[in-house]
Structure formats: structure tokens, C-alpha cells
Amino acid sequence: MESALTRADHWAGRRMSDLFDWIDWPTLRILPAVGEAEHMIRIEEQRADDEMVIRAEMPGIDPERDVSVTVTDHMVEIRAERRVERTGEADGVRRSEFRYGRFSRVVPLPEDAEGEDVKAAYHDGILEIRVPCRSTAAAPRRVTVAHD
């Protein structure tokens, strides 16, 4: 974990405008700081008319044992734990380049999301969460143009 001092040094000598690169402008969410992003679950979000699809990258996870998906207060929280089952040691040195431990991600849902019928499935290292949304698309209607 980085200390606050290390994080502050990361910004030393940068322009003020560089700070704005950490904001996801369409949603006005603050993006994770350098180093924090490595420990977050990477996701893709896609919105169709009647549902939001969230895909989370989770290779090597046992979905029945190590994944939890919770919906509350218009948020989806994804928690996972990657466990290391085997370790290797050569010449008294243990080497592991795998990321393991607990990971989580909270994804805000749109206002029209219906949290009761959320479905999740895991296939080939990808967790896919489908959240139904009320369709906001109104049928087109003709407007009469008045004239004098």
C-alpha cells in the first residue's frame, strides 16, 4: 500500500490540468490513483435500452466459492478473492508473480435500474452481471405546428 507521502510525490512537478485526467467526465467519478488501479477489478460497462451489462475480468477465480455480488442503494458491489494453491521454491527463493488476495469494485447503477432481477454468470474468466432497466425511450409522437 502506498503512503500518502508517496502519492503526493507522484504529483510533484505536474501541471494543475493533469489533476483533471483523474475524472471520468461523463459520470463525474474520480478514477483510482496510480497503484490503486492495479488492485481493482477491471470492468466494462455497456448500456442497452432495457439493461445494463457489467463485465468483470476475473481469471482464475472459482465463482461459487470466491465471488460475491451484492446490489444495494443503486450500486453493484463485486467482491472476489483469488487464492494461491501452489507455490514454488528454488534455491531458497519463493517466486510468485500472480496477484492474489481480496479484490472489490463498486459500480453505480443508473436511476432507472431495477435491482430485484439482477443476474450474474461466470464464463472463461469473465463475470457478467445483467441489470434490467426501465426503458426510457418514449414512442415518437407527431406534434402539430400552430400557425396564425
Foldseek 3Di string as FASTA:
>chain_A
DDDPVVLVVVCPPPDPVVCVVQAPVVVRDGHDGPPVVVQAWDWDWDDDQWKIKIKTQAPQFDCVPFWDWDDDPQKIKIKGFHDDDDWDDDPNDTDDPDDGGMYMDIDGHDPQWDPPPWDWDDDPRMIMIMTTGDGPDDDDDDDDDDDD
